[in-house]
N, C-alpha and C. Protein backbone atom coordinates (compact mmCIF):
# COMPACT_ATOMS: atom_id res chain seq x y z
N MET A 1 40.78 -14.59 61.21
CA MET A 1 40.37 -15.96 61.50
C MET A 1 41.57 -16.88 61.26
N ASP A 2 41.71 -17.85 62.11
CA ASP A 2 42.74 -18.87 61.98
C ASP A 2 42.60 -19.57 60.62
N PRO A 3 43.70 -19.86 59.92
CA PRO A 3 43.61 -20.51 58.61
C PRO A 3 42.88 -21.86 58.65
N GLU A 4 43.05 -22.62 59.70
CA GLU A 4 42.36 -23.91 59.80
C GLU A 4 40.85 -23.71 59.99
N ASP A 5 40.46 -22.67 60.73
CA ASP A 5 39.04 -22.36 60.89
C ASP A 5 38.47 -21.84 59.57
N SER A 6 39.24 -21.04 58.86
CA SER A 6 38.82 -20.55 57.56
C SER A 6 38.56 -21.71 56.60
N LYS A 7 39.39 -22.74 56.69
CA LYS A 7 39.24 -23.92 55.84
C LYS A 7 37.89 -24.60 56.07
N ILE A 8 37.47 -24.78 57.32
CA ILE A 8 36.20 -25.48 57.54
C ILE A 8 35.01 -24.61 57.16
N VAL A 9 35.13 -23.29 57.28
CA VAL A 9 34.06 -22.41 56.79
C VAL A 9 33.95 -22.54 55.27
N THR A 10 35.10 -22.56 54.59
CA THR A 10 35.11 -22.72 53.13
C THR A 10 34.52 -24.06 52.72
N LEU A 11 34.88 -25.14 53.42
CA LEU A 11 34.31 -26.45 53.13
C LEU A 11 32.80 -26.48 53.32
N ALA A 12 32.33 -25.86 54.40
CA ALA A 12 30.89 -25.81 54.66
C ALA A 12 30.16 -25.02 53.57
N ARG A 13 30.74 -23.90 53.16
CA ARG A 13 30.14 -23.09 52.08
C ARG A 13 30.08 -23.88 50.78
N ALA A 14 31.16 -24.55 50.44
CA ALA A 14 31.22 -25.29 49.18
C ALA A 14 30.24 -26.46 49.16
N THR A 15 30.15 -27.16 50.27
CA THR A 15 29.23 -28.30 50.35
C THR A 15 27.79 -27.83 50.23
N ARG A 16 27.46 -26.74 50.92
CA ARG A 16 26.11 -26.18 50.85
C ARG A 16 25.78 -25.76 49.42
N ALA A 17 26.70 -25.06 48.77
CA ALA A 17 26.46 -24.59 47.40
C ALA A 17 26.34 -25.75 46.41
N ARG A 18 27.23 -26.73 46.54
CA ARG A 18 27.23 -27.86 45.61
C ARG A 18 25.90 -28.61 45.64
N ASN A 19 25.33 -28.75 46.82
CA ASN A 19 24.08 -29.50 46.97
C ASN A 19 22.84 -28.61 46.99
N ALA A 20 23.03 -27.31 46.86
CA ALA A 20 21.91 -26.35 46.92
C ALA A 20 21.05 -26.61 48.15
N SER A 21 21.72 -26.75 49.30
CA SER A 21 21.04 -27.06 50.56
C SER A 21 20.88 -25.82 51.42
N ALA A 22 20.00 -25.93 52.39
CA ALA A 22 19.77 -24.82 53.31
C ALA A 22 20.97 -24.60 54.23
N GLN A 23 21.64 -25.68 54.59
CA GLN A 23 22.77 -25.60 55.51
C GLN A 23 23.97 -26.38 54.97
N GLY A 24 25.13 -25.92 55.31
CA GLY A 24 26.37 -26.66 55.10
C GLY A 24 27.16 -26.60 56.38
N ALA A 25 27.85 -27.67 56.70
CA ALA A 25 28.65 -27.69 57.93
C ALA A 25 29.94 -28.45 57.67
N ALA A 26 30.92 -28.15 58.48
CA ALA A 26 32.18 -28.89 58.46
C ALA A 26 32.72 -28.93 59.87
N VAL A 27 33.36 -30.03 60.20
CA VAL A 27 34.00 -30.19 61.51
C VAL A 27 35.44 -30.66 61.30
N ARG A 28 36.28 -30.36 62.28
CA ARG A 28 37.68 -30.80 62.28
C ARG A 28 37.90 -31.63 63.53
N ASP A 29 38.41 -32.84 63.37
CA ASP A 29 38.61 -33.70 64.53
C ASP A 29 39.99 -33.49 65.16
N GLU A 30 40.27 -34.27 66.18
CA GLU A 30 41.50 -34.10 66.96
C GLU A 30 42.76 -34.40 66.16
N THR A 31 42.62 -35.07 65.03
CA THR A 31 43.80 -35.37 64.20
C THR A 31 43.95 -34.40 63.04
N GLY A 32 42.98 -33.47 62.91
CA GLY A 32 43.01 -32.51 61.82
C GLY A 32 42.19 -32.91 60.61
N ARG A 33 41.63 -34.12 60.64
CA ARG A 33 40.76 -34.53 59.53
C ARG A 33 39.49 -33.70 59.54
N THR A 34 38.96 -33.44 58.35
CA THR A 34 37.74 -32.64 58.23
C THR A 34 36.64 -33.46 57.58
N TYR A 35 35.42 -33.11 57.93
CA TYR A 35 34.23 -33.76 57.42
C TYR A 35 33.22 -32.67 57.11
N SER A 36 32.63 -32.71 55.92
CA SER A 36 31.63 -31.70 55.57
C SER A 36 30.34 -32.39 55.16
N ALA A 37 29.23 -31.70 55.38
CA ALA A 37 27.92 -32.29 55.11
C ALA A 37 26.87 -31.19 54.94
N THR A 38 25.73 -31.59 54.43
CA THR A 38 24.57 -30.72 54.36
C THR A 38 23.46 -31.31 55.20
N ASN A 39 22.42 -30.53 55.40
CA ASN A 39 21.27 -31.03 56.14
C ASN A 39 20.57 -32.12 55.31
N VAL A 40 19.87 -33.02 56.01
CA VAL A 40 19.12 -34.11 55.39
C VAL A 40 17.65 -33.86 55.66
N GLU A 41 16.87 -33.80 54.61
CA GLU A 41 15.42 -33.54 54.74
C GLU A 41 14.66 -34.63 53.99
N LEU A 42 14.45 -35.76 54.65
CA LEU A 42 13.66 -36.85 54.09
C LEU A 42 12.36 -36.96 54.88
N ALA A 43 11.40 -37.65 54.32
CA ALA A 43 10.13 -37.82 55.03
C ALA A 43 10.33 -38.50 56.38
N ALA A 44 11.23 -39.46 56.43
CA ALA A 44 11.43 -40.23 57.65
C ALA A 44 12.68 -39.83 58.44
N LEU A 45 13.43 -38.84 57.96
CA LEU A 45 14.68 -38.48 58.64
C LEU A 45 15.01 -37.02 58.42
N ARG A 46 15.21 -36.29 59.51
CA ARG A 46 15.62 -34.89 59.44
C ARG A 46 16.83 -34.70 60.34
N LEU A 47 17.93 -34.29 59.71
CA LEU A 47 19.15 -34.02 60.46
C LEU A 47 19.73 -32.70 59.99
N SER A 48 20.26 -31.94 60.91
CA SER A 48 20.93 -30.70 60.54
C SER A 48 22.28 -31.04 59.92
N ALA A 49 22.86 -30.08 59.24
CA ALA A 49 24.17 -30.28 58.63
C ALA A 49 25.23 -30.58 59.69
N LEU A 50 25.16 -29.90 60.82
CA LEU A 50 26.12 -30.18 61.89
C LEU A 50 25.96 -31.59 62.44
N GLN A 51 24.74 -32.04 62.60
CA GLN A 51 24.52 -33.39 63.09
C GLN A 51 25.09 -34.43 62.13
N VAL A 52 24.91 -34.21 60.83
CA VAL A 52 25.44 -35.15 59.83
C VAL A 52 26.97 -35.13 59.86
N ALA A 53 27.57 -33.95 59.89
CA ALA A 53 29.03 -33.85 59.90
C ALA A 53 29.62 -34.51 61.14
N VAL A 54 29.01 -34.30 62.29
CA VAL A 54 29.49 -34.93 63.51
C VAL A 54 29.34 -36.44 63.42
N ALA A 55 28.21 -36.91 62.91
CA ALA A 55 28.01 -38.35 62.76
C ALA A 55 29.06 -38.96 61.83
N MET A 56 29.38 -38.26 60.76
CA MET A 56 30.41 -38.75 59.85
C MET A 56 31.76 -38.85 60.56
N ALA A 57 32.09 -37.85 61.35
CA ALA A 57 33.36 -37.86 62.07
C ALA A 57 33.41 -39.02 63.06
N VAL A 58 32.35 -39.17 63.84
CA VAL A 58 32.32 -40.24 64.84
C VAL A 58 32.36 -41.61 64.18
N SER A 59 31.62 -41.78 63.08
CA SER A 59 31.61 -43.08 62.42
C SER A 59 32.94 -43.38 61.73
N SER A 60 33.77 -42.36 61.56
CA SER A 60 35.10 -42.55 60.99
C SER A 60 36.17 -42.71 62.07
N GLY A 61 35.76 -42.72 63.32
CA GLY A 61 36.69 -42.96 64.42
C GLY A 61 37.12 -41.74 65.21
N ALA A 62 36.60 -40.56 64.90
CA ALA A 62 36.98 -39.37 65.66
C ALA A 62 36.53 -39.52 67.11
N GLU A 63 37.41 -39.13 68.00
CA GLU A 63 37.09 -39.18 69.43
C GLU A 63 36.73 -37.81 69.99
N SER A 64 37.17 -36.75 69.31
CA SER A 64 36.83 -35.40 69.74
C SER A 64 36.91 -34.47 68.55
N LEU A 65 36.37 -33.28 68.73
CA LEU A 65 36.40 -32.25 67.69
C LEU A 65 37.17 -31.04 68.19
N GLU A 66 37.93 -30.44 67.27
CA GLU A 66 38.61 -29.18 67.58
C GLU A 66 37.72 -27.99 67.27
N ALA A 67 36.96 -28.08 66.16
CA ALA A 67 36.16 -26.94 65.73
C ALA A 67 35.05 -27.41 64.81
N ALA A 68 34.03 -26.56 64.68
CA ALA A 68 32.91 -26.83 63.79
C ALA A 68 32.48 -25.52 63.15
N ALA A 69 31.92 -25.63 61.95
CA ALA A 69 31.41 -24.45 61.25
C ALA A 69 30.05 -24.78 60.65
N LEU A 70 29.16 -23.81 60.70
CA LEU A 70 27.84 -23.91 60.10
C LEU A 70 27.64 -22.72 59.18
N VAL A 71 27.22 -22.99 57.95
CA VAL A 71 26.90 -21.94 56.99
C VAL A 71 25.43 -22.08 56.64
N SER A 72 24.70 -20.98 56.80
CA SER A 72 23.26 -20.99 56.55
C SER A 72 22.79 -19.57 56.29
N ASP A 73 21.75 -19.44 55.49
CA ASP A 73 21.17 -18.11 55.32
C ASP A 73 20.05 -17.88 56.33
N GLY A 74 19.80 -18.87 57.15
CA GLY A 74 18.77 -18.77 58.18
C GLY A 74 19.36 -18.50 59.54
N ASP A 75 18.68 -19.00 60.54
CA ASP A 75 19.11 -18.82 61.91
C ASP A 75 20.39 -19.59 62.18
N GLY A 76 20.97 -19.30 63.32
CA GLY A 76 22.18 -19.99 63.74
C GLY A 76 21.90 -21.42 64.16
N PRO A 77 22.85 -22.04 64.80
CA PRO A 77 22.69 -23.44 65.20
C PRO A 77 21.60 -23.59 66.26
N SER A 78 20.93 -24.72 66.21
CA SER A 78 19.92 -25.03 67.22
C SER A 78 20.62 -25.44 68.52
N ALA A 79 19.83 -25.55 69.57
CA ALA A 79 20.39 -26.02 70.84
C ALA A 79 20.93 -27.43 70.69
N ASP A 80 20.26 -28.27 69.88
CA ASP A 80 20.74 -29.64 69.64
C ASP A 80 22.08 -29.62 68.90
N ASP A 81 22.22 -28.71 67.91
CA ASP A 81 23.48 -28.60 67.18
C ASP A 81 24.61 -28.22 68.14
N GLU A 82 24.37 -27.23 68.95
CA GLU A 82 25.40 -26.79 69.90
C GLU A 82 25.76 -27.91 70.86
N ALA A 83 24.76 -28.66 71.31
CA ALA A 83 25.01 -29.75 72.26
C ALA A 83 25.86 -30.85 71.65
N VAL A 84 25.59 -31.24 70.41
CA VAL A 84 26.34 -32.33 69.79
C VAL A 84 27.79 -31.91 69.53
N VAL A 85 28.01 -30.66 69.19
CA VAL A 85 29.37 -30.17 68.97
C VAL A 85 30.13 -30.10 70.29
N ARG A 86 29.48 -29.60 71.32
CA ARG A 86 30.12 -29.48 72.64
C ARG A 86 30.39 -30.85 73.27
N GLU A 87 29.49 -31.81 72.99
CA GLU A 87 29.67 -33.15 73.57
C GLU A 87 31.01 -33.75 73.15
N LEU A 88 31.47 -33.41 71.96
CA LEU A 88 32.75 -33.92 71.49
C LEU A 88 33.90 -32.95 71.77
N GLY A 89 33.65 -31.94 72.60
CA GLY A 89 34.72 -31.09 73.10
C GLY A 89 35.11 -29.90 72.26
N ALA A 90 34.40 -29.63 71.18
CA ALA A 90 34.77 -28.48 70.35
C ALA A 90 34.50 -27.19 71.11
N GLU A 91 35.52 -26.36 71.17
CA GLU A 91 35.36 -25.06 71.81
C GLU A 91 34.98 -23.99 70.80
N THR A 92 35.23 -24.25 69.53
CA THR A 92 34.95 -23.28 68.48
C THR A 92 33.79 -23.75 67.63
N LEU A 93 32.74 -22.92 67.57
CA LEU A 93 31.60 -23.15 66.68
C LEU A 93 31.42 -21.87 65.88
N LEU A 94 31.86 -21.91 64.63
CA LEU A 94 31.77 -20.75 63.75
C LEU A 94 30.44 -20.78 63.00
N VAL A 95 29.78 -19.65 62.94
CA VAL A 95 28.51 -19.54 62.22
C VAL A 95 28.67 -18.43 61.19
N ALA A 96 28.39 -18.77 59.94
CA ALA A 96 28.58 -17.81 58.85
C ALA A 96 27.39 -17.83 57.90
N GLY A 97 27.26 -16.73 57.17
CA GLY A 97 26.28 -16.65 56.10
C GLY A 97 26.83 -17.29 54.84
N PRO A 98 26.02 -17.40 53.80
CA PRO A 98 26.47 -18.01 52.54
C PRO A 98 27.68 -17.30 51.93
N ASP A 99 27.87 -16.03 52.26
CA ASP A 99 29.02 -15.29 51.74
C ASP A 99 30.30 -15.56 52.53
N GLY A 100 30.20 -16.34 53.59
CA GLY A 100 31.35 -16.67 54.42
C GLY A 100 31.62 -15.70 55.54
N GLU A 101 30.83 -14.64 55.61
CA GLU A 101 31.03 -13.66 56.69
C GLU A 101 30.52 -14.25 58.00
N LEU A 102 31.40 -14.18 59.00
CA LEU A 102 31.05 -14.76 60.31
C LEU A 102 29.96 -13.96 61.01
N ARG A 103 29.03 -14.68 61.59
CA ARG A 103 28.00 -14.07 62.44
C ARG A 103 28.38 -14.22 63.90
N SER A 104 29.07 -15.31 64.19
CA SER A 104 29.54 -15.55 65.57
C SER A 104 30.66 -16.56 65.56
């Protein structure tokens, strides 16, 4: 795995573990900046970790994404997750288990 891709998988794993969340995600924008997040599960708001990470990147001025990573012990990314990552041009969407082993 590319060292930069390994970095976002590591960030996603660490964020997930730190918050004891179901999902952790990290994205890398066109300038190399990274953003990591966990899923949000509130009564009035539900967002996947990828959706939160992408929103953080966009609200910080990112215009496109180079790569994204999702770490979860459950299923892979939803169709909505894939769509939001692709909308910003990311060609790489890494999916890993909590141990960091890639599933896809």
